[in-house]
Amino acid sequence: MAVTNEGAVEGRFPTAFLTKGMLCLVLATLFAGFFFSNGLQALLNAWQLPEYSHGPLIPVLSLLLFLKQLKDYPIDPGPKRDRWVGVCVVLLAVIVGYLGNLARINDIVAYATIIWIGGMLLISFGWETGRHFWPGVLHLVYMLPLPGVVYYKMTTSLQFVSSEVGVWFLQLMSIPVFLDGNIIDLGVMKLHVAEACSGLRYLFPILSFSYIFAALYKGSNWHKAILLLSAAPIAILMNSIRIAVAGYIVNYYGIEWVNGFSHFFEGWVIFAICIALLFLLAWVLVRFNSEHDGLVDALDLNTDGLGVQLGRLQYVRASKAMITAAVLMATAAVSLNFVPDRGTYKVDRQSFVTFPQTFGTWEQFGPRERLAENVARTLGADDYHQVTLVNSEQVMPSVGLFMAWYEDQSRGGVHSPEICLPGAGWEIAWLERTDVADQMGFDESFQLNRAVIQKGETRMMVYYWFEQKGRRIAWDFAAKFYLMTDGIATGRTDGGLVRLTTLIQPDETDAAAEARLQNVLKDVVEPLNDFMPEG
């Protein structure tokens, strides 16, 4: 058996393909499949969403990238002292996966799966060789669903950017248009830049493609960086053009024409245009690089011998590190059967229907307010409460009270007002996180967000915080952290949100409006534990 300079194997492979090393690798993989099954199921569920429909292609592309890199390294199945680094990485993957299973947050288990793949590569090839295969492993991140907090923040940001650029295009075409949040008012109708039109549908797959594109590009590193970072601007630009064209059609041809246009230009059509723009950008970069004759020469698209490289798995050695990894994964998979199924932790709480209607000098004005069906569906709360409170001594100004409760936040959970309010057309003038325990005379820490939002000349003062097992938390990422720790420690993944709002009257100061919120806050907190329990 001979090896070329590139490391490709020439000749025929031995007939006994299932060597001891391969057997250990197969067993480790099978046990890993059982251990990481919840994470793999989370991936399959996410891949059914339009934003992650490209997911099944990611492992295939990562494998191809790995095989292309493998051609640069000769066969070296002999003893290596640097395989144990991989065992440590596999152990880390088991720990992360175990915590994810305990917390019932399957996305964490999915992240641990990628760590495990990296560890197995280090065991199979040793640290000195295996560490060079990180591009293919890192690319697997693109198949994962984003954490909910990150997803909604990114969605909202892209909505605003797409709306503003789309409106700018419409104004260039002399079409009268007004932007209110992410609602484009054309006079004859209003276009809402919904989540499906935020650009994420094209952004995630084109980010993956640009990563592969940059990895295969043989130019300078700064060229690679440009190709990698250009994905987001290209996707947002195409989405903005899509919005502008939809507005043009509505303005000149009517609403009945826009639905057909939207369906035609959704998904893969926009993706194909984005990829074409990426190729165009690469072609421009190649024009400034004298080392390559053209774009084809600048891209490493040679796929010869990839099948041969895949056959090199037969040379995986049954090293002590590989055997240890197989035993470790078997132990981890079996141990999950002995972890008691805590199920969904049922919290003993009262429904918001019984929430008090009177707080000191404040009382509920009118019946409970119901959210629109689409808003309630997006909110996804198991129970919510929205009322207007007025002072019995002075009807105006009023205070709005909104509360939402989630029995299980591991598959979604609370949406921060920092995201929802701008989507409704409100602009956040300023926002700060603060602890009001001393100011309000509370015995324990009470963190909340203080914000002033405005829409035109209308301004509002807002208080809001997250309820997480008796904690009052201002930062949404901290709330998610406590969600994970509570899930691991007790199995509880419930939580909620409380928001107070009041109009700032034209003739009053911000401090006066805030004093009104603080007056209500003192009375609302007292009965809150019955509806958002600490224990």
Protein backbone atom coordinates (compact mmCIF):
# COMPACT_ATOMS: atom_id res chain seq x y z
CA MET A 1 0.00 0.00 0.00
CA ALA A 2 1.46 3.36 -1.01
CA VAL A 3 0.73 6.91 0.04
CA THR A 4 0.92 9.90 -2.26
CA ASN A 5 2.45 13.22 -1.22
CA GLU A 6 -1.05 14.45 -0.46
CA GLY A 7 -1.73 11.47 1.72
CA ALA A 8 -4.19 9.76 -0.61
CA VAL A 9 -4.15 5.96 -0.49
CA GLU A 10 -3.41 4.10 -3.72
CA GLY A 11 -4.39 0.53 -4.48
CA ARG A 12 -7.02 -1.73 -2.96
CA PHE A 13 -8.09 -1.74 0.65
CA PRO A 14 -7.93 -4.86 2.80
CA THR A 15 -11.11 -6.92 2.79
CA ALA A 16 -11.26 -6.98 6.59
CA PHE A 17 -12.61 -3.46 6.86
CA LEU A 18 -14.10 -3.83 10.38
CA THR A 19 -10.88 -3.75 12.37
CA LYS A 20 -10.71 -3.59 16.15
CA GLY A 21 -10.28 0.17 15.93
CA MET A 22 -13.30 0.52 13.67
CA LEU A 23 -15.33 -1.69 16.02
CA CYS A 24 -14.47 0.59 18.95
CA LEU A 25 -15.36 3.65 16.87
CA VAL A 26 -18.69 2.14 15.78
CA LEU A 27 -19.59 1.16 19.35
CA ALA A 28 -18.65 4.62 20.67
CA THR A 29 -20.81 6.19 17.95
CA LEU A 30 -23.81 3.94 18.67
CA PHE A 31 -23.69 4.63 22.41
CA ALA A 32 -23.25 8.35 21.67
CA GLY A 33 -26.39 8.20 19.52
CA PHE A 34 -28.35 6.92 22.52
CA PHE A 35 -26.80 9.42 24.92
CA PHE A 36 -27.28 12.46 22.65
CA SER A 37 -30.67 11.30 21.28
CA ASN A 38 -32.61 14.22 22.80
CA GLY A 39 -30.24 16.67 21.15
CA LEU A 40 -30.50 14.88 17.82
CA GLN A 41 -34.30 14.97 18.08
CA ALA A 42 -34.10 18.72 18.77
CA LEU A 43 -32.11 19.09 15.56
CA LEU A 44 -34.68 17.12 13.56
CA ASN A 45 -37.46 19.31 14.97
CA ALA A 46 -35.56 22.52 14.21
CA TRP A 47 -34.82 21.41 10.66
CA GLN A 48 -38.54 21.39 9.93
CA LEU A 49 -38.64 25.18 10.43
CA PRO A 50 -38.00 27.38 7.37
CA GLU A 51 -35.08 29.16 9.05
CA TYR A 52 -33.23 25.87 9.65
CA SER A 53 -34.42 23.83 6.66
CA HIS A 54 -30.82 23.82 5.39
CA GLY A 55 -29.73 21.86 8.48
CA PRO A 56 -29.49 18.37 6.91
CA LEU A 57 -26.93 19.71 4.40
CA ILE A 58 -24.54 20.92 7.10
CA PRO A 59 -23.19 17.50 8.24
CA VAL A 60 -22.69 16.51 4.59
CA LEU A 61 -20.74 19.69 3.82
CA SER A 62 -18.70 19.33 7.02
CA LEU A 63 -17.82 15.76 6.06
CA LEU A 64 -16.70 16.86 2.59
CA LEU A 65 -14.58 19.62 4.11
CA PHE A 66 -12.98 17.13 6.51
CA LEU A 67 -12.21 14.64 3.72
CA LYS A 68 -10.60 17.37 1.59
CA GLN A 69 -8.37 18.34 4.51
CA LEU A 70 -7.54 14.71 5.23
CA LYS A 71 -5.85 14.44 1.83
CA ASP A 72 -3.08 16.71 3.14
CA TYR A 73 -2.08 14.31 5.92
CA PRO A 74 -0.45 10.88 5.36
CA ILE A 75 -1.60 7.70 7.05
CA ASP A 76 -0.06 7.36 10.49
CA PRO A 77 -1.95 4.74 12.52
CA GLY A 78 0.97 4.04 14.83
CA PRO A 79 1.05 4.68 18.58
CA LYS A 80 0.51 8.30 19.63
CA ARG A 81 0.84 9.85 23.04
CA ASP A 82 -1.39 12.80 22.24
CA ARG A 83 -4.73 10.95 21.88
CA TRP A 84 -5.76 11.54 25.52
CA VAL A 85 -6.56 15.18 24.81
CA GLY A 86 -9.47 13.83 22.78
CA VAL A 87 -10.66 11.73 25.74
CA CYS A 88 -10.79 14.90 27.84
CA VAL A 89 -12.86 16.60 25.14
CA VAL A 90 -15.22 13.60 24.96
CA LEU A 91 -15.57 13.73 28.75
CA LEU A 92 -16.46 17.42 28.49
CA ALA A 93 -19.11 16.54 25.89
CA VAL A 94 -20.58 13.93 28.24
CA ILE A 95 -20.72 16.43 31.12
CA VAL A 96 -22.41 19.11 28.97
CA GLY A 97 -24.81 16.55 27.50
CA TYR A 98 -25.65 15.18 30.93
CA LEU A 99 -26.43 18.67 32.25
CA GLY A 100 -28.58 19.34 29.19
CA ASN A 101 -30.53 16.13 29.78
CA LEU A 102 -31.00 16.97 33.45
CA ALA A 103 -32.20 20.49 32.62
CA ARG A 104 -34.39 19.09 29.81
CA ILE A 105 -32.91 21.71 27.46
CA ASN A 106 -32.31 19.59 24.38
CA ASP A 107 -30.42 22.32 22.52
CA ILE A 108 -27.61 21.99 25.06
CA VAL A 109 -27.44 18.27 24.30
CA ALA A 110 -27.17 19.12 20.60
CA TYR A 111 -24.25 21.47 21.30
CA ALA A 112 -22.55 18.70 23.29
CA THR A 113 -22.79 16.41 20.26
CA ILE A 114 -20.48 18.72 18.29
CA ILE A 115 -17.99 18.73 21.16
CA TRP A 116 -18.07 14.91 21.09
CA ILE A 117 -17.31 14.83 17.34
CA GLY A 118 -14.28 17.06 17.87
CA GLY A 119 -13.07 14.82 20.68
CA MET A 120 -13.38 11.66 18.57
CA LEU A 121 -11.34 13.23 15.79
CA LEU A 122 -8.57 14.05 18.28
CA ILE A 123 -8.64 10.46 19.56
CA SER A 124 -8.59 8.98 16.04
CA PHE A 125 -5.75 11.11 14.67
CA GLY A 126 -4.02 12.47 17.75
CA TRP A 127 -3.72 16.09 18.78
CA GLU A 128 -1.01 17.10 16.31
CA THR A 129 -3.06 15.99 13.29
CA GLY A 130 -6.63 16.11 14.59
CA ARG A 131 -6.49 19.75 15.66
CA HIS A 132 -6.18 20.79 12.01
CA PHE A 133 -9.68 19.47 11.26
CA TRP A 134 -11.43 22.14 13.34
CA PRO A 135 -12.99 23.95 10.31
CA GLY A 136 -15.29 21.01 9.54
CA VAL A 137 -16.24 20.59 13.20
CA LEU A 138 -16.90 24.31 13.69
CA HIS A 139 -19.07 24.34 10.57
CA LEU A 140 -21.48 21.97 12.34
CA VAL A 141 -22.55 24.91 14.51
CA TYR A 142 -24.59 26.16 11.56
CA MET A 143 -26.94 23.19 11.84
CA LEU A 144 -27.94 24.13 15.41
CA PRO A 145 -30.99 26.22 16.30
CA LEU A 146 -30.07 29.51 17.94
CA PRO A 147 -30.96 29.99 21.62
CA GLY A 148 -34.37 31.65 21.87
CA VAL A 149 -33.04 34.91 23.34
CA VAL A 150 -30.43 35.28 20.59
CA TYR A 151 -32.93 34.29 17.89
CA TYR A 152 -35.52 36.90 18.86
CA LYS A 153 -32.95 39.66 19.31
CA MET A 154 -31.42 38.90 15.92
CA THR A 155 -34.87 38.61 14.31
CA THR A 156 -35.93 41.98 15.66
CA SER A 157 -32.71 43.67 14.57
CA LEU A 158 -32.99 42.26 11.07
CA GLN A 159 -36.62 43.30 10.86
CA PHE A 160 -35.74 46.90 11.63
CA VAL A 161 -32.79 46.99 9.23
CA SER A 162 -34.82 45.35 6.45
CA SER A 163 -37.73 47.74 7.05
CA GLU A 164 -35.56 50.85 6.99
CA VAL A 165 -33.62 49.84 3.88
CA GLY A 166 -36.81 48.68 2.15
CA VAL A 167 -38.51 52.00 2.87
CA TRP A 168 -35.43 53.85 1.61
CA PHE A 169 -35.73 51.96 -1.70
CA LEU A 170 -39.43 52.85 -1.90
CA GLN A 171 -38.66 56.52 -1.28
CA LEU A 172 -36.09 56.42 -4.09
CA MET A 173 -38.96 55.29 -6.34
CA SER A 174 -41.00 58.33 -5.14
CA ILE A 175 -43.58 56.11 -3.46
CA PRO A 176 -45.20 57.78 -0.40
CA VAL A 177 -44.38 55.57 2.58
CA PHE A 178 -44.16 55.84 6.36
CA LEU A 179 -42.31 53.46 8.69
CA ASP A 180 -43.87 52.80 12.11
CA GLY A 181 -41.67 50.28 13.91
CA ASN A 182 -41.61 47.37 11.49
CA ILE A 183 -44.93 48.32 9.90
CA ILE A 184 -44.65 49.92 6.46
CA ASP A 185 -47.59 52.25 5.87
CA LEU A 186 -48.26 52.79 2.16
CA GLY A 187 -51.49 54.68 2.72
CA VAL A 188 -53.64 52.20 0.78
CA MET A 189 -52.47 49.41 3.10
CA LYS A 190 -49.91 48.46 5.73
CA LEU A 191 -47.19 45.85 5.25
CA HIS A 192 -45.98 44.10 8.38
CA VAL A 193 -42.41 42.84 8.21
CA ALA A 194 -43.19 39.60 10.05
CA GLU A 195 -40.72 37.07 11.42
CA ALA A 196 -40.82 35.02 8.21
CA CYS A 197 -39.62 38.07 6.27
CA SER A 198 -36.84 39.09 8.65
CA GLY A 199 -34.08 37.68 6.50
CA LEU A 200 -33.20 34.80 8.78
CA ARG A 201 -34.71 32.35 6.34
CA TYR A 202 -31.90 33.18 3.92
CA LEU A 203 -29.29 34.29 6.45
CA PHE A 204 -28.65 30.96 8.16
CA PRO A 205 -28.07 28.90 4.98
CA ILE A 206 -26.00 31.62 3.31
CA LEU A 207 -23.86 31.94 6.46
CA SER A 208 -23.12 28.24 6.17
CA PHE A 209 -22.37 28.54 2.47
CA SER A 210 -20.09 31.55 2.97
CA TYR A 211 -18.18 29.59 5.64
CA ILE A 212 -17.55 26.74 3.20
CA PHE A 213 -16.78 29.27 0.48
CA ALA A 214 -14.17 30.97 2.68
CA ALA A 215 -12.67 27.61 3.71
CA LEU A 216 -12.22 26.52 0.07
CA TYR A 217 -10.95 29.91 -1.10
CA LYS A 218 -7.19 29.82 -1.71
CA GLY A 219 -6.67 33.56 -1.46
CA SER A 220 -5.44 35.70 1.42
CA ASN A 221 -6.98 35.62 4.88
CA TRP A 222 -8.52 39.05 4.52
CA HIS A 223 -10.28 37.86 1.36
CA LYS A 224 -11.60 34.91 3.34
CA ALA A 225 -12.81 37.28 6.07
CA ILE A 226 -14.67 39.44 3.55
CA LEU A 227 -16.40 36.39 2.05
CA LEU A 228 -17.35 35.12 5.49
CA LEU A 229 -18.66 38.44 6.82
CA SER A 230 -20.52 39.39 3.63
CA ALA A 231 -23.27 36.80 4.15
CA ALA A 232 -25.34 38.88 6.56
CA PRO A 233 -25.29 42.14 4.52
CA ILE A 234 -26.15 40.24 1.33
CA ALA A 235 -29.12 38.47 2.97
CA ILE A 236 -30.43 41.70 4.51
CA LEU A 237 -30.02 43.56 1.20
CA MET A 238 -32.00 40.92 -0.70
CA ASN A 239 -34.72 40.91 1.92
CA SER A 240 -34.95 44.70 1.76
CA ILE A 241 -35.24 44.58 -2.03
CA ARG A 242 -37.97 41.97 -1.63
CA ILE A 243 -39.85 44.28 0.74
CA ALA A 244 -39.41 47.25 -1.59
CA VAL A 245 -40.66 45.32 -4.62
CA ALA A 246 -43.66 44.10 -2.61
CA GLY A 247 -44.42 47.71 -1.68
CA TYR A 248 -44.08 48.79 -5.31
CA ILE A 249 -46.51 46.07 -6.44
CA VAL A 250 -49.04 47.03 -3.76
CA ASN A 251 -48.81 50.71 -4.64
CA TYR A 252 -49.25 50.27 -8.42
CA TYR A 253 -51.03 46.94 -8.90
CA GLY A 254 -52.92 46.22 -5.68
CA ILE A 255 -52.72 43.88 -2.73
CA GLU A 256 -53.95 40.84 -4.66
CA TRP A 257 -50.66 40.73 -6.64
CA VAL A 258 -48.29 40.81 -3.67
CA ASN A 259 -49.19 37.38 -2.25
CA GLY A 260 -48.12 35.57 -5.41
CA PHE A 261 -44.91 37.58 -5.54
CA SER A 262 -44.12 36.82 -1.88
CA HIS A 263 -44.61 33.08 -2.29
CA PHE A 264 -42.47 32.99 -5.43
CA PHE A 265 -39.56 34.88 -3.90
CA GLU A 266 -39.53 33.08 -0.55
CA GLY A 267 -36.88 30.58 0.50
CA TRP A 268 -34.57 29.07 -2.09
CA VAL A 269 -35.13 31.68 -4.83
CA ILE A 270 -33.75 34.42 -2.58
CA PHE A 271 -31.05 32.01 -1.40
CA ALA A 272 -29.96 31.36 -5.01
CA ILE A 273 -29.69 35.08 -5.70
CA CYS A 274 -27.66 35.56 -2.51
CA ILE A 275 -25.27 32.79 -3.56
CA ALA A 276 -24.91 34.40 -6.98
CA LEU A 277 -23.96 37.68 -5.28
CA LEU A 278 -21.43 35.82 -3.15
CA PHE A 279 -19.82 34.35 -6.27
CA LEU A 280 -19.79 37.82 -7.80
CA LEU A 281 -18.00 39.20 -4.74
CA ALA A 282 -15.45 36.37 -4.92
CA TRP A 283 -14.87 37.11 -8.60
CA VAL A 284 -14.20 40.77 -7.76
CA LEU A 285 -11.70 39.76 -5.06
CA VAL A 286 -9.90 37.41 -7.45
CA ARG A 287 -9.45 40.30 -9.87
CA PHE A 288 -7.19 41.90 -7.23
CA ASN A 289 -5.21 38.70 -6.69
CA SER A 290 -2.57 37.99 -9.34
CA GLU A 291 -1.85 34.51 -7.94
CA HIS A 292 -4.97 33.01 -9.55
CA ASP A 293 -6.11 32.99 -13.16
CA GLY A 294 -9.80 33.10 -12.27
CA LEU A 295 -12.48 32.19 -9.76
CA VAL A 296 -12.33 28.48 -10.55
CA ASP A 297 -8.59 28.47 -9.92
CA ALA A 298 -9.08 30.36 -6.64
CA LEU A 299 -11.49 27.76 -5.23
CA ASP A 300 -10.35 24.32 -4.13
CA LEU A 301 -13.18 22.39 -5.77
CA ASN A 302 -11.22 19.20 -6.48
CA THR A 303 -13.22 16.22 -5.20
CA ASP A 304 -10.97 13.47 -6.51
CA GLY A 305 -10.08 10.80 -3.99
CA LEU A 306 -12.63 11.74 -1.34
CA GLY A 307 -14.00 8.20 -1.37
CA VAL A 308 -10.50 6.88 -0.83
CA GLN A 309 -10.07 9.22 2.13
CA LEU A 310 -13.30 7.94 3.64
CA GLY A 311 -11.85 4.45 3.41
CA ARG A 312 -9.01 5.51 5.68
CA LEU A 313 -11.33 4.97 8.64
CA GLN A 314 -10.15 1.35 8.58
CA TYR A 315 -6.81 2.56 9.92
CA VAL A 316 -8.36 3.91 13.11
CA ARG A 317 -6.35 2.29 15.88
CA ALA A 318 -7.88 0.43 18.84
CA SER A 319 -5.81 2.59 21.15
CA LYS A 320 -6.35 2.80 24.90
CA ALA A 321 -7.83 6.24 24.33
CA MET A 322 -10.34 4.89 21.77
CA ILE A 323 -11.33 1.99 24.04
CA THR A 324 -11.72 4.44 26.93
CA ALA A 325 -13.98 6.66 24.80
CA ALA A 326 -16.15 3.66 23.84
CA VAL A 327 -16.46 2.56 27.49
CA LEU A 328 -17.17 6.16 28.55
CA MET A 329 -20.00 6.56 26.03
CA ALA A 330 -21.45 3.14 26.98
CA THR A 331 -21.41 4.13 30.65
CA ALA A 332 -22.98 7.53 29.90
CA ALA A 333 -25.73 5.98 27.75
CA VAL A 334 -26.60 3.35 30.36
CA SER A 335 -26.49 5.86 33.23
CA LEU A 336 -29.30 7.89 31.68
CA ASN A 337 -31.64 4.97 32.40
CA PHE A 338 -30.98 5.35 36.12
CA VAL A 339 -31.73 9.07 36.20
CA PRO A 340 -35.26 9.44 37.62
CA ASP A 341 -37.73 10.91 35.17
CA ARG A 342 -38.78 14.10 36.91
CA GLY A 343 -41.26 14.89 34.15
CA THR A 344 -42.61 18.41 33.88
CA TYR A 345 -42.43 20.05 37.28
CA LYS A 346 -45.97 21.08 38.21
CA VAL A 347 -45.97 24.25 40.27
CA ASP A 348 -48.83 24.86 42.67
CA ARG A 349 -50.03 28.29 41.59
CA GLN A 350 -53.23 30.24 41.20
CA SER A 351 -54.56 31.26 37.81
CA PHE A 352 -54.36 34.92 36.86
CA VAL A 353 -58.17 34.87 36.71
CA THR A 354 -58.14 35.21 40.50
CA PHE A 355 -55.54 37.99 40.58
CA PRO A 356 -56.70 40.84 42.87
CA GLN A 357 -58.51 43.72 41.19
CA THR A 358 -57.65 46.25 43.89
CA PHE A 359 -54.18 47.34 45.11
CA GLY A 360 -54.27 49.99 47.83
CA THR A 361 -55.57 53.09 46.07
CA TRP A 362 -55.34 51.40 42.65
CA GLU A 363 -58.07 49.27 41.10
CA GLN A 364 -58.70 47.42 37.87
CA PHE A 365 -60.50 49.48 35.25
CA GLY A 366 -62.81 47.39 33.08
CA PRO A 367 -62.45 43.66 32.30
CA ARG A 368 -59.23 41.79 31.59
CA GLU A 369 -57.89 42.65 28.15
CA ARG A 370 -57.42 39.88 25.59
CA LEU A 371 -54.52 39.78 23.18
CA ALA A 372 -55.07 39.36 19.47
CA GLU A 373 -54.90 35.72 18.41
CA ASN A 374 -51.65 36.10 16.46
CA VAL A 375 -50.04 38.04 19.34
CA ALA A 376 -51.11 35.43 21.89
CA ARG A 377 -49.75 32.67 19.67
CA THR A 378 -46.38 34.43 19.38
CA LEU A 379 -46.34 35.05 23.14
CA GLY A 380 -46.86 31.32 23.75
CA ALA A 381 -47.67 31.79 27.45
CA ASP A 382 -49.63 29.19 29.44
CA ASP A 383 -51.37 31.99 31.36
CA TYR A 384 -51.33 35.76 31.02
CA HIS A 385 -52.99 38.78 32.59
CA GLN A 386 -53.40 42.23 31.04
CA VAL A 387 -55.39 44.99 32.76
CA THR A 388 -55.49 48.74 33.16
CA LEU A 389 -55.19 50.12 36.70
CA VAL A 390 -56.54 53.50 37.76
CA ASN A 391 -56.23 55.44 40.96
CA SER A 392 -59.51 55.55 42.86
CA GLU A 393 -58.82 59.18 43.68
CA GLN A 394 -57.81 60.15 40.13
CA VAL A 395 -58.89 58.20 37.03
CA MET A 396 -56.06 59.46 34.85
CA PRO A 397 -53.27 58.80 34.28
CA SER A 398 -53.55 55.01 34.37
CA VAL A 399 -51.00 52.18 34.71
CA GLY A 400 -50.93 49.09 32.49
CA LEU A 401 -50.17 45.75 34.14
CA PHE A 402 -49.12 42.77 32.03
CA MET A 403 -47.99 39.38 33.35
CA ALA A 404 -47.19 36.14 31.52
CA TRP A 405 -46.50 32.70 32.96
CA TYR A 406 -44.76 29.72 31.33
CA GLU A 407 -44.89 26.24 32.83
CA ASP A 408 -41.93 25.09 30.73
CA GLN A 409 -39.46 27.56 29.23
CA SER A 410 -37.07 24.91 27.90
CA ARG A 411 -38.80 25.08 24.49
CA GLY A 412 -39.23 28.81 24.07
CA GLY A 413 -40.24 30.86 27.05
CA VAL A 414 -40.43 34.53 27.87
CA HIS A 415 -40.06 37.13 25.12
CA SER A 416 -38.39 40.28 26.40
CA PRO A 417 -40.30 43.59 26.03
CA GLU A 418 -36.98 44.89 24.69
CA ILE A 419 -37.93 42.89 21.60
CA CYS A 420 -41.72 43.11 21.56
CA LEU A 421 -42.20 46.84 22.15
CA PRO A 422 -40.09 48.03 19.18
CA GLY A 423 -41.93 45.52 17.01
CA ALA A 424 -45.16 47.32 17.87
CA GLY A 425 -43.73 50.63 16.71
CA TRP A 426 -42.32 51.89 20.02
CA GLU A 427 -38.78 53.27 20.05
CA ILE A 428 -36.69 52.72 23.18
CA ALA A 429 -35.39 56.17 24.12
CA TRP A 430 -33.30 54.80 26.98
CA LEU A 431 -33.11 51.62 29.04
CA GLU A 432 -31.16 50.68 32.14
CA ARG A 433 -31.05 47.74 34.52
CA THR A 434 -31.16 48.62 38.20
CA ASP A 435 -31.80 47.17 41.65
CA VAL A 436 -34.66 49.04 43.37
CA ALA A 437 -34.59 47.04 46.63
CA ASP A 438 -33.21 49.91 48.74
CA GLN A 439 -35.32 52.54 47.00
CA MET A 440 -38.54 50.55 47.46
CA GLY A 441 -37.73 49.20 50.91
CA PHE A 442 -37.62 45.53 49.86
CA ASP A 443 -35.64 43.07 51.97
CA GLU A 444 -34.13 41.19 49.01
CA SER A 445 -32.57 42.18 45.72
CA PHE A 446 -35.14 43.39 43.19
CA GLN A 447 -33.65 43.92 39.75
CA LEU A 448 -35.72 45.39 36.96
CA ASN A 449 -35.46 47.30 33.71
CA ARG A 450 -36.37 51.00 33.63
CA ALA A 451 -37.12 52.33 30.19
CA VAL A 452 -38.69 55.25 28.39
CA ILE A 453 -40.28 54.37 25.07
CA GLN A 454 -41.81 56.71 22.54
CA LYS A 455 -43.92 56.66 19.42
CA GLY A 456 -44.05 60.06 17.77
CA GLU A 457 -44.76 62.56 20.53
CA THR A 458 -46.23 59.92 22.86
CA ARG A 459 -43.87 58.75 25.62
CA MET A 460 -44.23 55.99 28.19
CA MET A 461 -42.34 54.90 31.29
CA VAL A 462 -41.84 51.13 31.56
CA TYR A 463 -40.81 48.78 34.35
CA TYR A 464 -40.32 45.10 33.60
CA TRP A 465 -38.55 42.12 35.08
CA PHE A 466 -38.35 38.33 34.80
CA GLU A 467 -39.64 36.02 37.55
CA GLN A 468 -37.45 32.93 37.96
CA LYS A 469 -38.22 30.84 41.04
CA GLY A 470 -38.53 33.84 43.36
CA ARG A 471 -35.73 35.80 41.72
CA ARG A 472 -36.43 39.20 40.19
CA ILE A 473 -34.07 39.42 37.21
CA ALA A 474 -33.56 42.27 34.75
CA TRP A 475 -31.18 40.69 32.20
CA ASP A 476 -32.81 38.14 29.88
CA PHE A 477 -29.57 36.17 29.45
CA ALA A 478 -29.29 35.86 33.25
CA ALA A 479 -32.87 34.57 33.32
CA LYS A 480 -31.91 31.85 30.82
CA PHE A 481 -28.88 30.95 32.95
CA TYR A 482 -31.04 30.48 36.04
CA LEU A 483 -33.51 28.51 33.91
CA MET A 484 -30.70 26.07 33.11
CA THR A 485 -29.41 25.82 36.70
CA ASP A 486 -32.91 25.38 38.12
CA GLY A 487 -33.66 22.70 35.55
CA ILE A 488 -30.49 20.82 36.51
CA ALA A 489 -30.99 21.18 40.28
CA THR A 490 -34.76 20.73 40.65
CA GLY A 491 -36.29 20.03 37.24
CA ARG A 492 -38.17 23.34 37.33
CA THR A 493 -38.24 25.26 34.05
CA ASP A 494 -41.17 27.55 34.80
CA GLY A 495 -40.98 31.33 34.94
CA GLY A 496 -42.70 34.54 33.98
CA LEU A 497 -42.60 38.21 33.13
CA VAL A 498 -44.14 41.28 34.78
CA ARG A 499 -44.44 44.64 33.01
CA LEU A 500 -45.80 47.98 34.22
CA THR A 501 -46.37 50.89 31.83
CA THR A 502 -47.72 54.41 32.14
CA LEU A 503 -48.03 57.37 29.78
CA ILE A 504 -45.82 60.34 30.54
CA GLN A 505 -48.21 63.27 30.40
CA PRO A 506 -47.10 66.33 28.38
CA ASP A 507 -47.13 68.47 31.53
CA GLU A 508 -45.29 66.08 33.89
CA THR A 509 -41.73 64.95 34.43
CA ASP A 510 -40.31 61.48 33.96
CA ALA A 511 -39.82 61.27 37.73
CA ALA A 512 -43.54 61.87 38.33
CA ALA A 513 -44.48 59.05 35.93
CA GLU A 514 -41.94 56.76 37.56
CA ALA A 515 -43.35 57.53 41.00
CA ARG A 516 -46.71 56.27 39.72
CA LEU A 517 -45.15 52.97 38.66
CA GLN A 518 -43.37 52.62 42.00
CA ASN A 519 -46.65 53.22 43.83
CA VAL A 520 -48.26 50.33 41.94
CA LEU A 521 -45.15 48.14 42.18
CA LYS A 522 -45.27 48.03 45.98
CA ASP A 523 -48.80 46.64 45.96
CA VAL A 524 -48.40 44.27 42.99
CA VAL A 525 -45.40 42.44 44.46
CA GLU A 526 -47.23 41.34 47.62
CA PRO A 527 -49.68 38.82 46.05
CA LEU A 528 -47.34 37.88 43.19
CA ASN A 529 -45.89 34.76 44.85
CA ASP A 530 -49.28 33.00 44.66
CA PHE A 531 -49.27 33.34 40.88
CA MET A 532 -45.52 33.07 40.16
CA PRO A 533 -44.38 30.86 43.07
CA GLU A 534 -40.91 30.77 44.53
CA GLY A 535 -41.24 27.20 45.80
